[in-house]
């Protein structure tokens, strides 16, 4: 769940982060409710698609503010997208049993990323 301490002092990016948490929560609810595999595929694909949009917007913002660690940040984003794509492919091919562990990974990664890397560009803007 998104909380005020996750704010990067950018309304657009904060709203996108809130949407990412909502998508992860929907995915969690799908697992908890034993949704059909097709529905879970749809939920995780929605998360992948929105994550790509958000990361592009965030990276465009970092270009705009001339953020010096952009390449490092992009690598973190790509690593997350690769991991979630891997979950999706494994789910689609029947090789992934979804559990709360998957949802916890997604949520933990997002919280840690916002509190770590994203807060660094937020602090950079404040200089």
C-alpha atoms as a PDB file:
ATOM      1  CA  UNK A   1       0.000   0.000   0.000  1.00  0.00           C
ATOM      2  CA  UNK A   2       1.269   3.462  -0.910  1.00  0.00           C
ATOM      3  CA  UNK A   3       1.853   5.779   2.021  1.00  0.00           C
ATOM      4  CA  UNK A   4       2.847   9.445   2.224  1.00  0.00           C
ATOM      5  CA  UNK A   5       6.455   8.554   3.145  1.00  0.00           C
ATOM      6  CA  UNK A   6       6.796   7.085  -0.363  1.00  0.00           C
ATOM      7  CA  UNK A   7       6.154  10.463  -1.982  1.00  0.00           C
ATOM      8  CA  UNK A   8       8.843  11.756  -4.340  1.00  0.00           C
ATOM      9  CA  UNK A   9       7.278  15.219  -4.325  1.00  0.00           C
ATOM     10  CA  UNK A  10       6.052  14.855  -7.887  1.00  0.00           C
ATOM     11  CA  UNK A  11       2.269  14.526  -8.193  1.00  0.00           C
ATOM     12  CA  UNK A  12       2.334  12.628 -11.488  1.00  0.00           C
ATOM     13  CA  UNK A  13       4.931  10.094 -10.367  1.00  0.00           C
ATOM     14  CA  UNK A  14       3.303   9.694  -6.940  1.00  0.00           C
ATOM     15  CA  UNK A  15      -0.032   8.969  -8.666  1.00  0.00           C
ATOM     16  CA  UNK A  16       1.656   6.397 -10.919  1.00  0.00           C
ATOM     17  CA  UNK A  17       3.273   4.747  -7.886  1.00  0.00           C
ATOM     18  CA  UNK A  18      -0.166   4.572  -6.255  1.00  0.00           C
ATOM     19  CA  UNK A  19      -1.512   2.892  -9.396  1.00  0.00           C
ATOM     20  CA  UNK A  20       1.312   0.327  -9.309  1.00  0.00           C
ATOM     21  CA  UNK A  21       0.401  -0.569  -5.732  1.00  0.00           C
ATOM     22  CA  UNK A  22      -3.254  -0.897  -6.763  1.00  0.00           C
ATOM     23  CA  UNK A  23      -2.283  -3.263  -9.597  1.00  0.00           C
ATOM     24  CA  UNK A  24      -0.179  -5.383  -7.232  1.00  0.00           C
ATOM     25  CA  UNK A  25      -3.082  -5.461  -4.754  1.00  0.00           C
ATOM     26  CA  UNK A  26      -5.429  -6.609  -7.541  1.00  0.00           C
ATOM     27  CA  UNK A  27      -2.952  -9.353  -8.442  1.00  0.00           C
ATOM     28  CA  UNK A  28      -2.768 -10.407  -4.781  1.00  0.00           C
ATOM     29  CA  UNK A  29      -6.569 -10.480  -4.589  1.00  0.00           C
ATOM     30  CA  UNK A  30      -6.646 -12.651  -7.718  1.00  0.00           C
ATOM     31  CA  UNK A  31      -4.272 -15.150  -6.133  1.00  0.00           C
ATOM     32  CA  UNK A  32      -6.146 -15.114  -2.830  1.00  0.00           C
ATOM     33  CA  UNK A  33      -9.498 -15.650  -4.586  1.00  0.00           C
ATOM     34  CA  UNK A  34      -8.128 -18.537  -6.661  1.00  0.00           C
ATOM     35  CA  UNK A  35      -8.876 -16.689  -9.893  1.00  0.00           C
ATOM     36  CA  UNK A  36      -8.477 -18.698 -13.104  1.00  0.00           C
ATOM     37  CA  UNK A  37      -5.000 -18.696 -14.608  1.00  0.00           C
ATOM     38  CA  UNK A  38      -6.220 -16.584 -17.540  1.00  0.00           C
ATOM     39  CA  UNK A  39      -7.359 -13.851 -15.134  1.00  0.00           C
ATOM     40  CA  UNK A  40      -4.023 -13.933 -13.291  1.00  0.00           C
ATOM     41  CA  UNK A  41      -2.198 -13.702 -16.631  1.00  0.00           C
ATOM     42  CA  UNK A  42      -4.327 -10.673 -17.480  1.00  0.00           C
ATOM     43  CA  UNK A  43      -3.548  -9.043 -14.113  1.00  0.00           C
ATOM     44  CA  UNK A  44       0.196  -9.598 -14.337  1.00  0.00           C
ATOM     45  CA  UNK A  45       0.274  -8.442 -17.961  1.00  0.00           C
ATOM     46  CA  UNK A  46      -1.553  -5.273 -16.915  1.00  0.00           C
ATOM     47  CA  UNK A  47       1.100  -4.743 -14.261  1.00  0.00           C
ATOM     48  CA  UNK A  48       3.899  -5.258 -16.809  1.00  0.00           C
ATOM     49  CA  UNK A  49       2.324  -2.841 -19.273  1.00  0.00           C
ATOM     50  CA  UNK A  50       1.671  -0.127 -16.711  1.00  0.00           C
ATOM     51  CA  UNK A  51       5.134  -0.556 -15.199  1.00  0.00           C
ATOM     52  CA  UNK A  52       6.707   0.086 -18.607  1.00  0.00           C
ATOM     53  CA  UNK A  53       4.631   3.262 -19.006  1.00  0.00           C
ATOM     54  CA  UNK A  54       5.537   4.458 -15.521  1.00  0.00           C
ATOM     55  CA  UNK A  55       9.235   3.701 -15.893  1.00  0.00           C
ATOM     56  CA  UNK A  56       9.352   5.603 -19.201  1.00  0.00           C
ATOM     57  CA  UNK A  57       7.626   8.592 -17.613  1.00  0.00           C
ATOM     58  CA  UNK A  58       9.972   8.480 -14.644  1.00  0.00           C
ATOM     59  CA  UNK A  59      13.053   8.172 -16.860  1.00  0.00           C
ATOM     60  CA  UNK A  60      11.844  11.053 -19.049  1.00  0.00           C
ATOM     61  CA  UNK A  61      11.531  13.131 -15.881  1.00  0.00           C
ATOM     62  CA  UNK A  62      15.083  12.189 -14.870  1.00  0.00           C
ATOM     63  CA  UNK A  63      16.326  13.320 -18.299  1.00  0.00           C
ATOM     64  CA  UNK A  64      14.423  16.583 -17.820  1.00  0.00           C
ATOM     65  CA  UNK A  65      16.109  17.251 -14.456  1.00  0.00           C
ATOM     66  CA  UNK A  66      19.484  16.063 -15.800  1.00  0.00           C
ATOM     67  CA  UNK A  67      19.726  13.326 -13.156  1.00  0.00           C
ATOM     68  CA  UNK A  68      23.303  11.963 -13.132  1.00  0.00           C
ATOM     69  CA  UNK A  69      22.418   8.357 -12.150  1.00  0.00           C
ATOM     70  CA  UNK A  70      19.882   7.823 -14.942  1.00  0.00           C
ATOM     71  CA  UNK A  71      21.672   4.823 -16.488  1.00  0.00           C
ATOM     72  CA  UNK A  72      21.895   3.037 -13.130  1.00  0.00           C
ATOM     73  CA  UNK A  73      18.212   3.736 -12.481  1.00  0.00           C
ATOM     74  CA  UNK A  74      17.242   2.470 -15.947  1.00  0.00           C
ATOM     75  CA  UNK A  75      19.131  -0.769 -15.253  1.00  0.00           C
ATOM     76  CA  UNK A  76      17.107  -1.271 -12.058  1.00  0.00           C
ATOM     77  CA  UNK A  77      13.899  -0.669 -13.984  1.00  0.00           C
ATOM     78  CA  UNK A  78      14.900  -3.139 -16.708  1.00  0.00           C
ATOM     79  CA  UNK A  79      15.780  -5.780 -14.134  1.00  0.00           C
ATOM     80  CA  UNK A  80      12.320  -5.476 -12.567  1.00  0.00           C
ATOM     81  CA  UNK A  81      10.566  -5.626 -15.951  1.00  0.00           C
ATOM     82  CA  UNK A  82      12.607  -8.722 -16.860  1.00  0.00           C
ATOM     83  CA  UNK A  83      11.658 -10.410 -13.573  1.00  0.00           C
ATOM     84  CA  UNK A  84       7.935  -9.649 -13.955  1.00  0.00           C
ATOM     85  CA  UNK A  85       8.012 -10.724 -17.620  1.00  0.00           C
ATOM     86  CA  UNK A  86       9.606 -13.963 -16.464  1.00  0.00           C
ATOM     87  CA  UNK A  87       6.771 -14.483 -13.972  1.00  0.00           C
ATOM     88  CA  UNK A  88       4.257 -13.853 -16.752  1.00  0.00           C
ATOM     89  CA  UNK A  89       5.918 -16.283 -19.189  1.00  0.00           C
ATOM     90  CA  UNK A  90       6.239 -18.986 -16.552  1.00  0.00           C
ATOM     91  CA  UNK A  91       2.603 -18.509 -15.528  1.00  0.00           C
ATOM     92  CA  UNK A  92       1.445 -18.618 -19.146  1.00  0.00           C
ATOM     93  CA  UNK A  93       3.392 -21.835 -19.747  1.00  0.00           C
ATOM     94  CA  UNK A  94       2.090 -23.479 -16.580  1.00  0.00           C
ATOM     95  CA  UNK A  95       5.517 -23.450 -14.923  1.00  0.00           C
ATOM     96  CA  UNK A  96       4.764 -21.004 -12.118  1.00  0.00           C
ATOM     97  CA  UNK A  97       2.566 -21.633  -9.160  1.00  0.00           C
ATOM     98  CA  UNK A  98       1.539 -18.230  -7.963  1.00  0.00           C
ATOM     99  CA  UNK A  99       1.800 -17.583  -4.322  1.00  0.00           C
ATOM    100  CA  UNK A 100       1.899 -14.738  -1.892  1.00  0.00           C
ATOM    101  CA  UNK A 101       5.711 -14.864  -2.292  1.00  0.00           C
ATOM    102  CA  UNK A 102       5.393 -13.488  -5.828  1.00  0.00           C
ATOM    103  CA  UNK A 103       3.162 -10.648  -4.661  1.00  0.00           C
ATOM    104  CA  UNK A 104       5.454  -9.943  -1.718  1.00  0.00           C
ATOM    105  CA  UNK A 105       8.436  -9.756  -4.078  1.00  0.00           C
ATOM    106  CA  UNK A 106       6.608  -7.230  -6.283  1.00  0.00           C
ATOM    107  CA  UNK A 107       5.477  -5.093  -3.365  1.00  0.00           C
ATOM    108  CA  UNK A 108       8.824  -5.268  -1.534  1.00  0.00           C
ATOM    109  CA  UNK A 109      10.752  -4.382  -4.685  1.00  0.00           C
ATOM    110  CA  UNK A 110       8.508  -1.405  -5.345  1.00  0.00           C
ATOM    111  CA  UNK A 111       8.682  -0.083  -1.756  1.00  0.00           C
ATOM    112  CA  UNK A 112      12.461  -0.524  -1.592  1.00  0.00           C
ATOM    113  CA  UNK A 113      12.934   1.035  -5.024  1.00  0.00           C
ATOM    114  CA  UNK A 114      10.851   4.092  -4.146  1.00  0.00           C
ATOM    115  CA  UNK A 115      12.447   4.514  -0.711  1.00  0.00           C
ATOM    116  CA  UNK A 116      15.924   4.041  -2.172  1.00  0.00           C
ATOM    117  CA  UNK A 117      16.515   4.931  -5.806  1.00  0.00           C
ATOM    118  CA  UNK A 118      13.479   7.141  -6.356  1.00  0.00           C
ATOM    119  CA  UNK A 119      14.146   9.163  -3.228  1.00  0.00           C
ATOM    120  CA  UNK A 120      17.629   9.854  -4.605  1.00  0.00           C
ATOM    121  CA  UNK A 121      16.291  11.682  -7.661  1.00  0.00           C
ATOM    122  CA  UNK A 122      13.722  13.444  -5.463  1.00  0.00           C
ATOM    123  CA  UNK A 123      16.574  14.686  -3.248  1.00  0.00           C
ATOM    124  CA  UNK A 124      18.554  15.690  -6.354  1.00  0.00           C
ATOM    125  CA  UNK A 125      15.692  17.972  -7.442  1.00  0.00           C
ATOM    126  CA  UNK A 126      15.639  19.620  -4.010  1.00  0.00           C
ATOM    127  CA  UNK A 127      19.331  20.634  -4.205  1.00  0.00           C
END
